[in-house]
């Protein structure tokens, strides 16, 4: 009688060591569920984001005084400025205030496409959940904005998309910037602005703004340890059963060549590769799959359809089929 011995299976730590422990438990899910996981928003902590987090947190604990420090975040479109700011807001959520009010530590508004004093007032009142007040011409809108900021206990006012200032008249631009400076001084709060590099010169043109606003630049990714750690973090967060080794020199070169160093484009490229890898059973991102979002979008679409809610799949597939037949 012969005895057959079976080698024990490798522990999960060795077979799935490329994944974060919180992701390993999802690796047994069906491909459809894992595709939906890949398509969800993902914020990756990296060296620059941690530095910026520290700057933002420091502002929140600044004692109130006459000249509050402010911050301008400059970076090309797609570098993650807006995602960083909304994550900052989530760390300091709204909460019930005194006398039935609401405590809002951080208020986020977007700079209007055509910035003037009036359009800025409308944008701030909307962000403060008081858009109806803007329709009343007899109301002192600046006074209402200041009183609401004070009543909410707001510590930081965030104004995104400030590059719109570059497309307005110089007088309107000066008035808008003076309005933000006045809010900071009167309400004793931090102003945090974000925009593309073109807006930096508008803040530097005014000596008072230049002294008050610290400028942090988010530069595009280049070859080095920073992008390697970023890609390692991405790989650890995606439920692929095989390691992709995204931080290897060859993969880094290919990713930068394909995406040009922009965070949003890198995530889009890797997400497309990941959903195809799951759908087709490849289970890792390869050099060929880095091009799939551009060279073969039908494979990406097929993977996304597989991960979409079942109730939508027949309608979506039929619509795509009709479109393809019409174009042919």
Foldseek 3Di string as FASTA:
>chain_A
DDDDDDDDDDDLCVQLVLADPVLSVCLPPALLQLLVLLPDDDDFDFDQLVVVLVVLVVLLPDDFDQQRAAAEEAEDPQQCPVVSVVVSQVVVDKDQDPPRHIARQEFEFEQDLAAAPLVVLCRLCVSLVRNVVSVDPVDPSLVVSLVSCLVNVYAEYEYEAVCSLVVYDPVRSVRVVVSVSVSCRVNRHYYYYYHYPVCVVVQVVDVVSVVRYDYDYRYFDDDDPRVLVRVSRVSNSRSFSHEQSCSDPVNVVLLCVVQVRRNRSSSVLVSLQRLLCSVVVVRYRYSVSSCCVPPPVVSSVVSVLSNDPPVCNVVVVVVVVVVVVVVD
